[in-house]
Amino acid sequence: MGKDASRPKLLDVARHAQVSPATVSRVIHGNAYVRENVRARVLASMSALGYETKQFKPVAFRNVVAVLIPDLLNPFFAEVVHGIQEQATSIGILTLLIDSTENVQREDQLLRMALTRPVDGIIIGASRLSDANLIAFCERHGVPMVTLNRNVTHPAISCILIDFENATYRAARHLLNLNHTRLAYLAGPAASQASQSRRRGVETALKEAGLVLRDEWCPASFPNVDGAFQAMSALLALPEADRPTAVIAYNDIMALGALHAIRAHCLRVPEDISVIGFDDIAMAAHANPPLTTIAQPKYQMGKLAMQMLEQMIAGQPTLGDGYTLLESPLIVRESTAPCNASKGR
C-alpha cells in the first residue's frame, strides 16, 4: 500500500466532524460561509486526524470594505453588522469594522485612518458627520459608499433607510388613539438626521390633533440606557399635572432606560405611562413589560448594504437610483395602553 493511502482524506475529516464533505471543502477553501462552531469542529477534526495543513488555501478576498458603526454595544447595530458580514463572507469580501462610540470627531479620524490602507468601499451606519463632510470625504478618496438610515444625495453614495417621520407619526397616532394627549419624545443626538425626522413625525401627529410637543417634553440625551434614564427622570420630576402620560423613545435602548426610570419612581407601565421604542431589538419582546416598538429589518438592511456596495464596486447600477426605502411596522405589545383617566389626558 502506498504512502498516500494511509493519509486521512477529506471524507475521513467529514465523518470525524459529523459534517458533509462539502462543508469540509468550504472550510478548507474559504469560498463560502460556515458557522463558526462548525468551522471550529472541522478544524479540530483535521488536527486530530493529522490532515495535511498544506492543503489549506489562503482565502482570496476580492475586496476590502470598511464598516463604520456608531455604537457596536447597541444590539441594533450588532444585527446590522451580522447581515453585512454574512453577505460579505459569501461573496469573498473582507470587512474592516470600525466603532466610533457615538463620537463625531473620532468617527472622522477613524475613517481617515481606515483609508490609509486599500479600501474598495465603505458602509456607514447612522453617521453623525454632516452631509457635506460625507460627500467631501467620498469625493476626496474616490470610494463608493452606502449609508444606513441616512439620506445623502450624491451619485457615489447609496442610501438604505426607513421613513422615520412616517414611523413615529404612526407611533404617535397609536398613542392618540389610546386617548393620550401629553406625549413626550426622548430624543437622541441633537445633530442626528434620524432623531430630527422622528421628532417631526411626532409633531405632525400632535398638530393634526390640535396639540403640540412641548420643548420640556423633548429632552435630548446620549442614546443609551443611562442617558434615557436621566432624561426620563427629569420628566417624572415635573408636577403630575404637567407630566407626560406617554413617551416615544429614539431607540429601544433608550426605551429600556425609560422603563427603568419609571419603575424607580414607583410608577407603572402602561398603567401610569405608556412607552414606545424604536428598532425592535431582540430584547424588546422580553422587556418588563414587553415593549411596543417600531421594527427595522436590521439583518436584511446589512445584507442589502453589502449587496449594493458590491454592485457599486463592480461599476453596476443599483436599484432605485441608489435610494432604498424599507418597511417599518409598528409592533404593539404590552407597554402601551389607554390613558388612565385619573392621570388626566
C-alpha atoms as a PDB file:
ATOM      1  CA  MET A   1       0.000   0.000   0.000  1.00  0.00           C
ATOM      2  CA  GLY A   2       1.375   3.402  -0.988  1.00  0.00           C
ATOM      3  CA  LYS A   3       2.275   6.133   1.450  1.00  0.00           C
ATOM      4  CA  ASP A   4      -0.668   8.339   0.335  1.00  0.00           C
ATOM      5  CA  ALA A   5      -3.172   5.579   1.149  1.00  0.00           C
ATOM      6  CA  SER A   6      -2.516   5.995   4.872  1.00  0.00           C
ATOM      7  CA  ARG A   7      -3.105   9.718   4.860  1.00  0.00           C
ATOM      8  CA  PRO A   8      -6.522  10.941   6.070  1.00  0.00           C
ATOM      9  CA  LYS A   9      -8.807  12.077   3.299  1.00  0.00           C
ATOM     10  CA  LEU A  10     -11.408  14.810   3.187  1.00  0.00           C
ATOM     11  CA  LEU A  11     -14.119  12.180   3.678  1.00  0.00           C
ATOM     12  CA  ASP A  12     -12.388  10.972   6.864  1.00  0.00           C
ATOM     13  CA  VAL A  13     -12.468  14.527   8.239  1.00  0.00           C
ATOM     14  CA  ALA A  14     -16.156  14.864   7.337  1.00  0.00           C
ATOM     15  CA  ARG A  15     -17.018  11.642   9.189  1.00  0.00           C
ATOM     16  CA  HIS A  16     -14.955  12.615  12.224  1.00  0.00           C
ATOM     17  CA  ALA A  17     -16.517  16.089  12.422  1.00  0.00           C
ATOM     18  CA  GLN A  18     -20.006  14.726  11.573  1.00  0.00           C
ATOM     19  CA  VAL A  19     -20.485  17.156   8.719  1.00  0.00           C
ATOM     20  CA  SER A  20     -20.783  16.800   4.959  1.00  0.00           C
ATOM     21  CA  PRO A  21     -17.699  16.632   2.721  1.00  0.00           C
ATOM     22  CA  ALA A  22     -18.923  19.869   1.115  1.00  0.00           C
ATOM     23  CA  THR A  23     -18.720  21.618   4.481  1.00  0.00           C
ATOM     24  CA  VAL A  24     -15.137  20.444   4.978  1.00  0.00           C
ATOM     25  CA  SER A  25     -14.309  21.724   1.497  1.00  0.00           C
ATOM     26  CA  ARG A  26     -15.804  25.122   2.295  1.00  0.00           C
ATOM     27  CA  VAL A  27     -13.692  25.360   5.449  1.00  0.00           C
ATOM     28  CA  ILE A  28     -10.530  24.391   3.550  1.00  0.00           C
ATOM     29  CA  HIS A  29     -11.022  26.754   0.651  1.00  0.00           C
ATOM     30  CA  GLY A  30     -12.810  29.554   2.472  1.00  0.00           C
ATOM     31  CA  ASN A  31     -15.096  30.152  -0.501  1.00  0.00           C
ATOM     32  CA  ALA A  32     -18.434  30.142   1.360  1.00  0.00           C
ATOM     33  CA  TYR A  33     -19.835  30.949   4.778  1.00  0.00           C
ATOM     34  CA  VAL A  34     -19.635  28.280   7.503  1.00  0.00           C
ATOM     35  CA  ARG A  35     -20.924  28.817  11.050  1.00  0.00           C
ATOM     36  CA  GLU A  36     -18.084  29.416  13.499  1.00  0.00           C
ATOM     37  CA  ASN A  37     -18.928  26.437  15.734  1.00  0.00           C
ATOM     38  CA  VAL A  38     -18.991  24.125  12.688  1.00  0.00           C
ATOM     39  CA  ARG A  39     -15.745  25.581  11.354  1.00  0.00           C
ATOM     40  CA  ALA A  40     -14.089  25.017  14.738  1.00  0.00           C
ATOM     41  CA  ARG A  41     -15.278  21.382  14.786  1.00  0.00           C
ATOM     42  CA  VAL A  42     -13.904  20.742  11.310  1.00  0.00           C
ATOM     43  CA  LEU A  43     -10.548  22.319  12.168  1.00  0.00           C
ATOM     44  CA  ALA A  44     -10.351  20.227  15.345  1.00  0.00           C
ATOM     45  CA  SER A  45     -11.009  17.040  13.349  1.00  0.00           C
ATOM     46  CA  MET A  46      -8.361  17.970  10.799  1.00  0.00           C
ATOM     47  CA  SER A  47      -5.866  18.467  13.602  1.00  0.00           C
ATOM     48  CA  ALA A  48      -6.836  15.236  15.365  1.00  0.00           C
ATOM     49  CA  LEU A  49      -6.518  13.169  12.170  1.00  0.00           C
ATOM     50  CA  GLY A  50      -3.334  14.871  11.013  1.00  0.00           C
ATOM     51  CA  TYR A  51      -4.917  16.168   7.827  1.00  0.00           C
ATOM     52  CA  GLU A  52      -2.206  17.852   5.784  1.00  0.00           C
ATOM     53  CA  THR A  53      -2.192  21.580   6.519  1.00  0.00           C
ATOM     54  CA  LYS A  54      -0.545  22.217   3.173  1.00  0.00           C
ATOM     55  CA  GLN A  55      -3.947  21.533   1.644  1.00  0.00           C
ATOM     56  CA  PHE A  56      -5.205  24.786   3.119  1.00  0.00           C
ATOM     57  CA  LYS A  57      -5.556  27.525   0.578  1.00  0.00           C
ATOM     58  CA  PRO A  58      -5.498  31.127   1.707  1.00  0.00           C
ATOM     59  CA  VAL A  59      -8.816  32.905   1.391  1.00  0.00           C
ATOM     60  CA  ALA A  60      -8.683  35.090  -1.685  1.00  0.00           C
ATOM     61  CA  PHE A  61     -10.668  38.179  -0.741  1.00  0.00           C
ATOM     62  CA  ARG A  62     -11.669  40.117  -3.815  1.00  0.00           C
ATOM     63  CA  ASN A  63     -12.239  43.393  -1.996  1.00  0.00           C
ATOM     64  CA  VAL A  64     -11.926  45.072   1.379  1.00  0.00           C
ATOM     65  CA  VAL A  65     -14.811  47.132   2.748  1.00  0.00           C
ATOM     66  CA  ALA A  66     -14.725  49.432   5.791  1.00  0.00           C
ATOM     67  CA  VAL A  67     -17.843  49.351   8.001  1.00  0.00           C
ATOM     68  CA  LEU A  68     -18.288  52.282  10.388  1.00  0.00           C
ATOM     69  CA  ILE A  69     -20.791  51.829  13.224  1.00  0.00           C
ATOM     70  CA  PRO A  70     -21.539  54.486  15.880  1.00  0.00           C
ATOM     71  CA  ASP A  71     -22.149  52.045  18.753  1.00  0.00           C
ATOM     72  CA  LEU A  72     -21.435  48.334  18.476  1.00  0.00           C
ATOM     73  CA  LEU A  73     -22.807  47.802  22.004  1.00  0.00           C
ATOM     74  CA  ASN A  74     -26.262  48.694  20.671  1.00  0.00           C
ATOM     75  CA  PRO A  75     -27.920  45.395  19.604  1.00  0.00           C
ATOM     76  CA  PHE A  76     -29.431  47.182  16.600  1.00  0.00           C
ATOM     77  CA  PHE A  77     -26.008  47.711  15.042  1.00  0.00           C
ATOM     78  CA  ALA A  78     -24.815  44.247  16.062  1.00  0.00           C
ATOM     79  CA  GLU A  79     -27.644  42.734  13.985  1.00  0.00           C
ATOM     80  CA  VAL A  80     -26.860  45.037  11.059  1.00  0.00           C
ATOM     81  CA  VAL A  81     -23.187  44.015  11.180  1.00  0.00           C
ATOM     82  CA  HIS A  82     -24.222  40.350  11.280  1.00  0.00           C
ATOM     83  CA  GLY A  83     -26.051  40.819   7.977  1.00  0.00           C
ATOM     84  CA  ILE A  84     -23.129  42.737   6.461  1.00  0.00           C
ATOM     85  CA  GLN A  85     -20.530  40.159   7.434  1.00  0.00           C
ATOM     86  CA  GLU A  86     -22.531  37.120   6.365  1.00  0.00           C
ATOM     87  CA  GLN A  87     -23.143  38.625   2.931  1.00  0.00           C
ATOM     88  CA  ALA A  88     -19.518  39.774   2.657  1.00  0.00           C
ATOM     89  CA  THR A  89     -18.128  36.337   3.515  1.00  0.00           C
ATOM     90  CA  SER A  90     -20.391  34.626   0.998  1.00  0.00           C
ATOM     91  CA  ILE A  91     -19.018  36.776  -1.843  1.00  0.00           C
ATOM     92  CA  GLY A  92     -15.363  36.906  -0.763  1.00  0.00           C
ATOM     93  CA  ILE A  93     -15.232  40.425   0.676  1.00  0.00           C
ATOM     94  CA  LEU A  94     -13.234  41.238   3.819  1.00  0.00           C
ATOM     95  CA  THR A  95     -14.836  43.712   6.239  1.00  0.00           C
ATOM     96  CA  LEU A  96     -12.907  46.155   8.400  1.00  0.00           C
ATOM     97  CA  LEU A  97     -15.179  47.013  11.360  1.00  0.00           C
ATOM     98  CA  ILE A  98     -14.865  50.454  12.979  1.00  0.00           C
ATOM     99  CA  ASP A  99     -16.760  51.579  16.119  1.00  0.00           C
ATOM    100  CA  SER A 100     -16.849  55.346  16.641  1.00  0.00           C
ATOM    101  CA  THR A 101     -18.615  55.132  20.053  1.00  0.00           C
ATOM    102  CA  GLU A 102     -21.008  57.963  19.107  1.00  0.00           C
ATOM    103  CA  ASN A 103     -18.116  60.442  18.843  1.00  0.00           C
ATOM    104  CA  VAL A 104     -18.200  62.671  15.748  1.00  0.00           C
ATOM    105  CA  GLN A 105     -14.508  63.667  15.925  1.00  0.00           C
ATOM    106  CA  ARG A 106     -13.496  60.042  16.468  1.00  0.00           C
ATOM    107  CA  GLU A 107     -15.686  58.999  13.528  1.00  0.00           C
ATOM    108  CA  ASP A 108     -13.889  61.387  11.190  1.00  0.00           C
ATOM    109  CA  GLN A 109     -10.449  60.312  12.468  1.00  0.00           C
ATOM    110  CA  LEU A 110     -11.220  56.593  12.182  1.00  0.00           C
ATOM    111  CA  LEU A 111     -12.480  56.965   8.626  1.00  0.00           C
ATOM    112  CA  ARG A 112      -9.276  58.728   7.639  1.00  0.00           C
ATOM    113  CA  MET A 113      -7.192  56.035   9.340  1.00  0.00           C
ATOM    114  CA  ALA A 114      -9.144  53.270   7.580  1.00  0.00           C
ATOM    115  CA  LEU A 115      -8.250  54.724   4.207  1.00  0.00           C
ATOM    116  CA  THR A 116      -4.515  54.678   4.899  1.00  0.00           C
ATOM    117  CA  ARG A 117      -4.799  51.122   3.516  1.00  0.00           C
ATOM    118  CA  PRO A 118      -6.537  49.999   0.301  1.00  0.00           C
ATOM    119  CA  VAL A 119     -10.304  50.025   0.812  1.00  0.00           C
ATOM    120  CA  ASP A 120     -12.725  49.361  -2.037  1.00  0.00           C
ATOM    121  CA  GLY A 121     -15.876  50.723  -0.394  1.00  0.00           C
ATOM    122  CA  ILE A 122     -17.438  51.998   2.828  1.00  0.00           C
ATOM    123  CA  ILE A 123     -20.666  51.229   4.674  1.00  0.00           C
ATOM    124  CA  ILE A 124     -21.625  53.890   7.207  1.00  0.00           C
ATOM    125  CA  GLY A 125     -24.309  53.246   9.813  1.00  0.00           C
ATOM    126  CA  ALA A 126     -26.151  56.338  11.072  1.00  0.00           C
ATOM    127  CA  SER A 127     -23.186  58.676  10.687  1.00  0.00           C
ATOM    128  CA  ARG A 128     -23.066  61.803  12.838  1.00  0.00           C
ATOM    129  CA  LEU A 129     -20.983  63.618  10.209  1.00  0.00           C
ATOM    130  CA  SER A 130     -22.722  66.273   8.115  1.00  0.00           C
ATOM    131  CA  ASP A 131     -23.867  65.542   4.555  1.00  0.00           C
ATOM    132  CA  ALA A 132     -21.241  67.967   3.255  1.00  0.00           C
ATOM    133  CA  ASN A 133     -18.462  66.160   5.134  1.00  0.00           C
ATOM    134  CA  LEU A 134     -19.601  62.731   3.926  1.00  0.00           C
ATOM    135  CA  ILE A 135     -19.784  63.924   0.311  1.00  0.00           C
ATOM    136  CA  ALA A 136     -16.389  65.643   0.538  1.00  0.00           C
ATOM    137  CA  PHE A 137     -14.892  62.516   2.078  1.00  0.00           C
ATOM    138  CA  CYS A 138     -16.362  60.308  -0.644  1.00  0.00           C
ATOM    139  CA  GLU A 139     -15.109  62.575  -3.447  1.00  0.00           C
ATOM    140  CA  ARG A 140     -11.667  63.075  -1.931  1.00  0.00           C
ATOM    141  CA  HIS A 141     -10.951  59.365  -1.625  1.00  0.00           C
ATOM    142  CA  GLY A 142     -12.910  58.169  -4.663  1.00  0.00           C
ATOM    143  CA  VAL A 143     -14.547  55.181  -2.968  1.00  0.00           C
ATOM    144  CA  PRO A 144     -18.226  54.164  -3.260  1.00  0.00           C
ATOM    145  CA  MET A 145     -20.269  54.467  -0.092  1.00  0.00           C
ATOM    146  CA  VAL A 146     -23.535  53.071   1.302  1.00  0.00           C
ATOM    147  CA  THR A 147     -25.193  54.883   4.195  1.00  0.00           C
ATOM    148  CA  LEU A 148     -27.712  53.306   6.566  1.00  0.00           C
ATOM    149  CA  ASN A 149     -30.572  55.387   7.983  1.00  0.00           C
ATOM    150  CA  ARG A 150     -29.157  58.477   6.337  1.00  0.00           C
ATOM    151  CA  ASN A 151     -30.284  60.124   3.113  1.00  0.00           C
ATOM    152  CA  VAL A 152     -27.329  61.729   1.295  1.00  0.00           C
ATOM    153  CA  THR A 153     -27.749  62.905  -2.300  1.00  0.00           C
ATOM    154  CA  HIS A 154     -24.660  62.010  -4.324  1.00  0.00           C
ATOM    155  CA  PRO A 155     -24.073  59.647  -7.302  1.00  0.00           C
ATOM    156  CA  ALA A 156     -21.323  57.739  -5.451  1.00  0.00           C
ATOM    157  CA  ILE A 157     -23.437  57.259  -2.311  1.00  0.00           C
ATOM    158  CA  SER A 158     -26.331  54.806  -1.996  1.00  0.00           C
ATOM    159  CA  CYS A 159     -28.758  55.065   0.901  1.00  0.00           C
ATOM    160  CA  ILE A 160     -30.809  52.471   2.767  1.00  0.00           C
ATOM    161  CA  LEU A 161     -33.304  53.803   5.256  1.00  0.00           C
ATOM    162  CA  ILE A 162     -36.837  53.778   6.527  1.00  0.00           C
ATOM    163  CA  ASP A 163     -39.254  56.701   6.634  1.00  0.00           C
ATOM    164  CA  PHE A 164     -38.562  57.789  10.216  1.00  0.00           C
ATOM    165  CA  GLU A 165     -41.050  60.628  10.111  1.00  0.00           C
ATOM    166  CA  ASN A 166     -43.873  58.372   8.995  1.00  0.00           C
ATOM    167  CA  ALA A 167     -42.856  55.700  11.519  1.00  0.00           C
ATOM    168  CA  THR A 168     -43.041  57.974  14.553  1.00  0.00           C
ATOM    169  CA  TYR A 169     -46.176  59.582  13.130  1.00  0.00           C
ATOM    170  CA  ARG A 170     -47.814  56.139  13.249  1.00  0.00           C
ATOM    171  CA  ALA A 171     -46.487  55.562  16.764  1.00  0.00           C
ATOM    172  CA  ALA A 172     -47.887  58.894  17.949  1.00  0.00           C
ATOM    173  CA  ARG A 173     -51.256  58.168  16.255  1.00  0.00           C
ATOM    174  CA  HIS A 174     -51.342  54.869  18.157  1.00  0.00           C
ATOM    175  CA  LEU A 175     -50.968  56.745  21.448  1.00  0.00           C
ATOM    176  CA  LEU A 176     -53.504  59.412  20.462  1.00  0.00           C
ATOM    177  CA  ASN A 177     -55.995  56.662  19.639  1.00  0.00           C
ATOM    178  CA  LEU A 178     -55.446  55.416  23.196  1.00  0.00           C
ATOM    179  CA  ASN A 179     -56.557  58.890  24.408  1.00  0.00           C
ATOM    180  CA  HIS A 180     -53.064  60.104  25.322  1.00  0.00           C
ATOM    181  CA  THR A 181     -52.621  63.818  24.677  1.00  0.00           C
ATOM    182  CA  ARG A 182     -49.498  64.533  26.753  1.00  0.00           C
ATOM    183  CA  LEU A 183     -46.805  62.893  24.610  1.00  0.00           C
ATOM    184  CA  ALA A 184     -43.063  63.145  25.165  1.00  0.00           C
ATOM    185  CA  TYR A 185     -40.199  62.272  22.821  1.00  0.00           C
ATOM    186  CA  LEU A 186     -36.872  61.108  24.259  1.00  0.00           C
ATOM    187  CA  ALA A 187     -34.632  62.435  21.501  1.00  0.00           C
ATOM    188  CA  GLY A 188     -31.270  61.029  20.502  1.00  0.00           C
ATOM    189  CA  PRO A 189     -28.279  63.165  19.479  1.00  0.00           C
ATOM    190  CA  ALA A 190     -29.419  66.680  18.603  1.00  0.00           C
ATOM    191  CA  ALA A 191     -27.471  66.708  15.318  1.00  0.00           C
ATOM    192  CA  SER A 192     -28.772  63.312  14.214  1.00  0.00           C
ATOM    193  CA  GLN A 193     -30.796  63.420  10.988  1.00  0.00           C
ATOM    194  CA  ALA A 194     -32.710  60.346  12.176  1.00  0.00           C
ATOM    195  CA  SER A 195     -33.629  61.937  15.516  1.00  0.00           C
ATOM    196  CA  GLN A 196     -34.839  65.125  13.844  1.00  0.00           C
ATOM    197  CA  SER A 197     -37.008  63.150  11.404  1.00  0.00           C
ATOM    198  CA  ARG A 198     -38.529  61.116  14.225  1.00  0.00           C
ATOM    199  CA  ARG A 199     -39.378  64.265  16.143  1.00  0.00           C
ATOM    200  CA  ARG A 200     -41.123  65.731  13.090  1.00  0.00           C
ATOM    201  CA  GLY A 201     -43.336  62.657  12.877  1.00  0.00           C
ATOM    202  CA  VAL A 202     -44.467  63.084  16.477  1.00  0.00           C
ATOM    203  CA  GLU A 203     -45.060  66.800  15.958  1.00  0.00           C
ATOM    204  CA  THR A 204     -47.130  66.206  12.807  1.00  0.00           C
ATOM    205  CA  ALA A 205     -49.425  63.722  14.545  1.00  0.00           C
ATOM    206  CA  LEU A 206     -49.905  66.049  17.505  1.00  0.00           C
ATOM    207  CA  LYS A 207     -50.551  69.047  15.253  1.00  0.00           C
ATOM    208  CA  GLU A 208     -53.313  67.146  13.451  1.00  0.00           C
ATOM    209  CA  ALA A 209     -54.907  66.536  16.851  1.00  0.00           C
ATOM    210  CA  GLY A 210     -54.615  70.214  17.794  1.00  0.00           C
ATOM    211  CA  LEU A 211     -51.738  69.532  20.201  1.00  0.00           C
ATOM    212  CA  VAL A 212     -48.064  70.471  20.424  1.00  0.00           C
ATOM    213  CA  LEU A 213     -44.873  68.724  21.506  1.00  0.00           C
ATOM    214  CA  ARG A 214     -43.695  70.885  24.381  1.00  0.00           C
ATOM    215  CA  ASP A 215     -39.965  71.607  24.462  1.00  0.00           C
ATOM    216  CA  GLU A 216     -39.640  70.352  28.038  1.00  0.00           C
ATOM    217  CA  TRP A 217     -41.156  67.039  26.886  1.00  0.00           C
ATOM    218  CA  CYS A 218     -38.483  66.566  24.237  1.00  0.00           C
ATOM    219  CA  PRO A 219     -35.159  66.183  26.075  1.00  0.00           C
ATOM    220  CA  ALA A 220     -32.065  65.324  24.004  1.00  0.00           C
ATOM    221  CA  SER A 221     -29.643  62.877  25.577  1.00  0.00           C
ATOM    222  CA  PHE A 222     -26.926  60.361  24.799  1.00  0.00           C
ATOM    223  CA  PRO A 223     -28.719  57.470  23.025  1.00  0.00           C
ATOM    224  CA  ASN A 224     -28.107  54.786  25.643  1.00  0.00           C
ATOM    225  CA  VAL A 225     -29.751  53.414  28.783  1.00  0.00           C
ATOM    226  CA  ASP A 226     -28.114  55.881  31.187  1.00  0.00           C
ATOM    227  CA  GLY A 227     -28.927  58.908  29.040  1.00  0.00           C
ATOM    228  CA  ALA A 228     -32.563  57.855  28.767  1.00  0.00           C
ATOM    229  CA  PHE A 229     -32.806  57.110  32.493  1.00  0.00           C
ATOM    230  CA  GLN A 230     -31.679  60.644  33.310  1.00  0.00           C
ATOM    231  CA  ALA A 231     -33.921  62.258  30.679  1.00  0.00           C
ATOM    232  CA  MET A 232     -36.957  60.260  31.793  1.00  0.00           C
ATOM    233  CA  SER A 233     -36.234  61.020  35.443  1.00  0.00           C
ATOM    234  CA  ALA A 234     -36.273  64.747  34.609  1.00  0.00           C
ATOM    235  CA  LEU A 235     -39.714  64.348  33.016  1.00  0.00           C
ATOM    236  CA  LEU A 236     -41.001  62.453  36.049  1.00  0.00           C
ATOM    237  CA  ALA A 237     -39.775  65.236  38.337  1.00  0.00           C
ATOM    238  CA  LEU A 238     -42.399  67.540  36.807  1.00  0.00           C
ATOM    239  CA  PRO A 239     -45.662  68.075  38.707  1.00  0.00           C
ATOM    240  CA  GLU A 240     -48.123  65.282  37.946  1.00  0.00           C
ATOM    241  CA  ALA A 241     -50.417  67.620  36.009  1.00  0.00           C
ATOM    242  CA  ASP A 242     -47.513  68.592  33.740  1.00  0.00           C
ATOM    243  CA  ARG A 243     -46.116  65.104  33.351  1.00  0.00           C
ATOM    244  CA  PRO A 244     -46.490  63.231  30.035  1.00  0.00           C
ATOM    245  CA  THR A 245     -48.659  60.109  30.061  1.00  0.00           C
ATOM    246  CA  ALA A 246     -46.874  58.523  27.087  1.00  0.00           C
ATOM    247  CA  VAL A 247     -43.324  58.506  25.755  1.00  0.00           C
ATOM    248  CA  ILE A 248     -41.777  57.674  22.374  1.00  0.00           C
ATOM    249  CA  ALA A 249     -38.060  56.926  22.616  1.00  0.00           C
ATOM    250  CA  TYR A 250     -35.416  57.462  19.933  1.00  0.00           C
ATOM    251  CA  ASN A 251     -34.500  53.766  20.121  1.00  0.00           C
ATOM    252  CA  ASP A 252     -35.259  50.634  22.137  1.00  0.00           C
ATOM    253  CA  ILE A 253     -32.166  51.052  24.300  1.00  0.00           C
ATOM    254  CA  MET A 254     -33.471  54.437  25.436  1.00  0.00           C
ATOM    255  CA  ALA A 255     -36.940  52.964  25.933  1.00  0.00           C
ATOM    256  CA  LEU A 256     -35.421  50.390  28.299  1.00  0.00           C
ATOM    257  CA  GLY A 257     -33.786  53.200  30.243  1.00  0.00           C
ATOM    258  CA  ALA A 258     -37.153  54.955  30.421  1.00  0.00           C
ATOM    259  CA  LEU A 259     -38.817  51.797  31.770  1.00  0.00           C
ATOM    260  CA  HIS A 260     -36.190  51.635  34.496  1.00  0.00           C
ATOM    261  CA  ALA A 261     -36.689  55.283  35.439  1.00  0.00           C
ATOM    262  CA  ILE A 262     -40.462  54.876  35.604  1.00  0.00           C
ATOM    263  CA  ARG A 263     -40.163  51.877  37.935  1.00  0.00           C
ATOM    264  CA  ALA A 264     -37.585  53.749  40.046  1.00  0.00           C
ATOM    265  CA  HIS A 265     -40.201  56.488  40.563  1.00  0.00           C
ATOM    266  CA  CYS A 266     -42.733  53.879  41.739  1.00  0.00           C
ATOM    267  CA  LEU A 267     -44.877  54.256  38.628  1.00  0.00           C
ATOM    268  CA  ARG A 268     -46.186  51.522  36.342  1.00  0.00           C
ATOM    269  CA  VAL A 269     -46.045  50.824  32.612  1.00  0.00           C
ATOM    270  CA  PRO A 270     -48.533  51.029  30.959  1.00  0.00           C
ATOM    271  CA  GLU A 271     -50.997  51.857  33.770  1.00  0.00           C
ATOM    272  CA  ASP A 272     -49.372  55.223  34.552  1.00  0.00           C
ATOM    273  CA  ILE A 273     -47.211  55.847  31.476  1.00  0.00           C
ATOM    274  CA  SER A 274     -47.131  54.174  28.060  1.00  0.00           C
ATOM    275  CA  VAL A 275     -43.765  53.674  26.342  1.00  0.00           C
ATOM    276  CA  ILE A 276     -42.846  53.068  22.693  1.00  0.00           C
ATOM    277  CA  GLY A 277     -39.349  52.220  21.457  1.00  0.00           C
ATOM    278  CA  PHE A 278     -37.737  52.107  18.040  1.00  0.00           C
ATOM    279  CA  ASP A 279     -35.778  49.290  16.288  1.00  0.00           C
ATOM    280  CA  ASP A 280     -37.393  46.107  17.699  1.00  0.00           C
ATOM    281  CA  ILE A 281     -34.128  44.678  19.019  1.00  0.00           C
ATOM    282  CA  ALA A 282     -34.330  41.111  20.332  1.00  0.00           C
ATOM    283  CA  MET A 283     -34.669  42.106  23.993  1.00  0.00           C
ATOM    284  CA  ALA A 284     -37.645  44.416  23.273  1.00  0.00           C
ATOM    285  CA  ALA A 285     -40.041  41.445  23.296  1.00  0.00           C
ATOM    286  CA  HIS A 286     -38.588  40.325  26.638  1.00  0.00           C
ATOM    287  CA  ALA A 287     -38.657  43.677  28.453  1.00  0.00           C
ATOM    288  CA  ASN A 288     -40.873  44.159  31.504  1.00  0.00           C
ATOM    289  CA  PRO A 289     -43.436  44.753  30.142  1.00  0.00           C
ATOM    290  CA  PRO A 290     -42.798  43.663  26.520  1.00  0.00           C
ATOM    291  CA  LEU A 291     -42.073  46.817  24.540  1.00  0.00           C
ATOM    292  CA  THR A 292     -44.249  48.311  21.838  1.00  0.00           C
ATOM    293  CA  THR A 293     -41.784  49.395  19.154  1.00  0.00           C
ATOM    294  CA  ILE A 294     -41.213  50.296  15.518  1.00  0.00           C
ATOM    295  CA  ALA A 295     -39.402  47.469  13.749  1.00  0.00           C
ATOM    296  CA  GLN A 296     -36.443  47.877  11.427  1.00  0.00           C
ATOM    297  CA  PRO A 297     -35.234  44.925   9.279  1.00  0.00           C
ATOM    298  CA  LYS A 298     -31.745  45.078  10.749  1.00  0.00           C
ATOM    299  CA  TYR A 299     -30.162  41.889   9.396  1.00  0.00           C
ATOM    300  CA  GLN A 300     -31.725  42.409   5.949  1.00  0.00           C
ATOM    301  CA  MET A 301     -30.512  46.019   5.972  1.00  0.00           C
ATOM    302  CA  GLY A 302     -26.941  44.837   6.495  1.00  0.00           C
ATOM    303  CA  LYS A 303     -27.116  42.206   3.757  1.00  0.00           C
ATOM    304  CA  LEU A 304     -28.654  44.656   1.314  1.00  0.00           C
ATOM    305  CA  ALA A 305     -25.987  47.263   2.082  1.00  0.00           C
ATOM    306  CA  MET A 306     -23.231  44.811   1.188  1.00  0.00           C
ATOM    307  CA  GLN A 307     -25.052  43.678  -1.959  1.00  0.00           C
ATOM    308  CA  MET A 308     -25.458  47.282  -3.105  1.00  0.00           C
ATOM    309  CA  LEU A 309     -21.841  48.135  -2.350  1.00  0.00           C
ATOM    310  CA  GLU A 310     -20.634  45.089  -4.292  1.00  0.00           C
ATOM    311  CA  GLN A 311     -22.612  46.336  -7.316  1.00  0.00           C
ATOM    312  CA  MET A 312     -21.149  49.813  -6.941  1.00  0.00           C
ATOM    313  CA  ILE A 313     -17.585  48.474  -6.679  1.00  0.00           C
ATOM    314  CA  ALA A 314     -18.205  46.487  -9.876  1.00  0.00           C
ATOM    315  CA  GLY A 315     -19.494  49.624 -11.607  1.00  0.00           C
ATOM    316  CA  GLN A 316     -23.035  48.295 -11.892  1.00  0.00           C
ATOM    317  CA  PRO A 317     -26.136  50.462 -11.370  1.00  0.00           C
ATOM    318  CA  THR A 318     -28.081  49.929  -8.144  1.00  0.00           C
ATOM    319  CA  LEU A 319     -31.848  49.654  -7.857  1.00  0.00           C
ATOM    320  CA  GLY A 320     -33.874  52.764  -7.103  1.00  0.00           C
ATOM    321  CA  ASP A 321     -31.138  55.168  -8.197  1.00  0.00           C
ATOM    322  CA  GLY A 322     -29.208  54.394  -5.018  1.00  0.00           C
ATOM    323  CA  TYR A 323     -32.130  55.111  -2.691  1.00  0.00           C
ATOM    324  CA  THR A 324     -33.861  52.194  -0.960  1.00  0.00           C
ATOM    325  CA  LEU A 325     -36.761  52.627   1.469  1.00  0.00           C
ATOM    326  CA  LEU A 326     -37.558  49.700   3.790  1.00  0.00           C
ATOM    327  CA  GLU A 327     -40.746  48.939   5.721  1.00  0.00           C
ATOM    328  CA  SER A 328     -41.056  49.682   9.445  1.00  0.00           C
ATOM    329  CA  PRO A 329     -44.184  48.146  11.016  1.00  0.00           C
ATOM    330  CA  LEU A 330     -45.399  49.193  14.458  1.00  0.00           C
ATOM    331  CA  ILE A 331     -45.217  46.167  16.769  1.00  0.00           C
ATOM    332  CA  VAL A 332     -47.829  46.612  19.515  1.00  0.00           C
ATOM    333  CA  ARG A 333     -47.007  44.878  22.799  1.00  0.00           C
ATOM    334  CA  GLU A 334     -47.865  45.429  26.458  1.00  0.00           C
ATOM    335  CA  SER A 335     -46.062  48.721  27.168  1.00  0.00           C
ATOM    336  CA  THR A 336     -48.901  50.803  25.712  1.00  0.00           C
ATOM    337  CA  ALA A 337     -52.489  51.029  26.958  1.00  0.00           C
ATOM    338  CA  PRO A 338     -55.371  53.521  27.112  1.00  0.00           C
ATOM    339  CA  CYS A 339     -54.654  56.659  29.096  1.00  0.00           C
ATOM    340  CA  ASN A 340     -55.632  56.379  32.743  1.00  0.00           C
ATOM    341  CA  ALA A 341     -58.440  58.919  33.138  1.00  0.00           C
ATOM    342  CA  SER A 342     -57.398  59.671  36.719  1.00  0.00           C
ATOM    343  CA  LYS A 343     -53.972  60.775  35.439  1.00  0.00           C
ATOM    344  CA  GLY A 344     -55.515  63.210  33.003  1.00  0.00           C
ATOM    345  CA  ARG A 345     -55.220  63.341  29.225  1.00  0.00           C
END
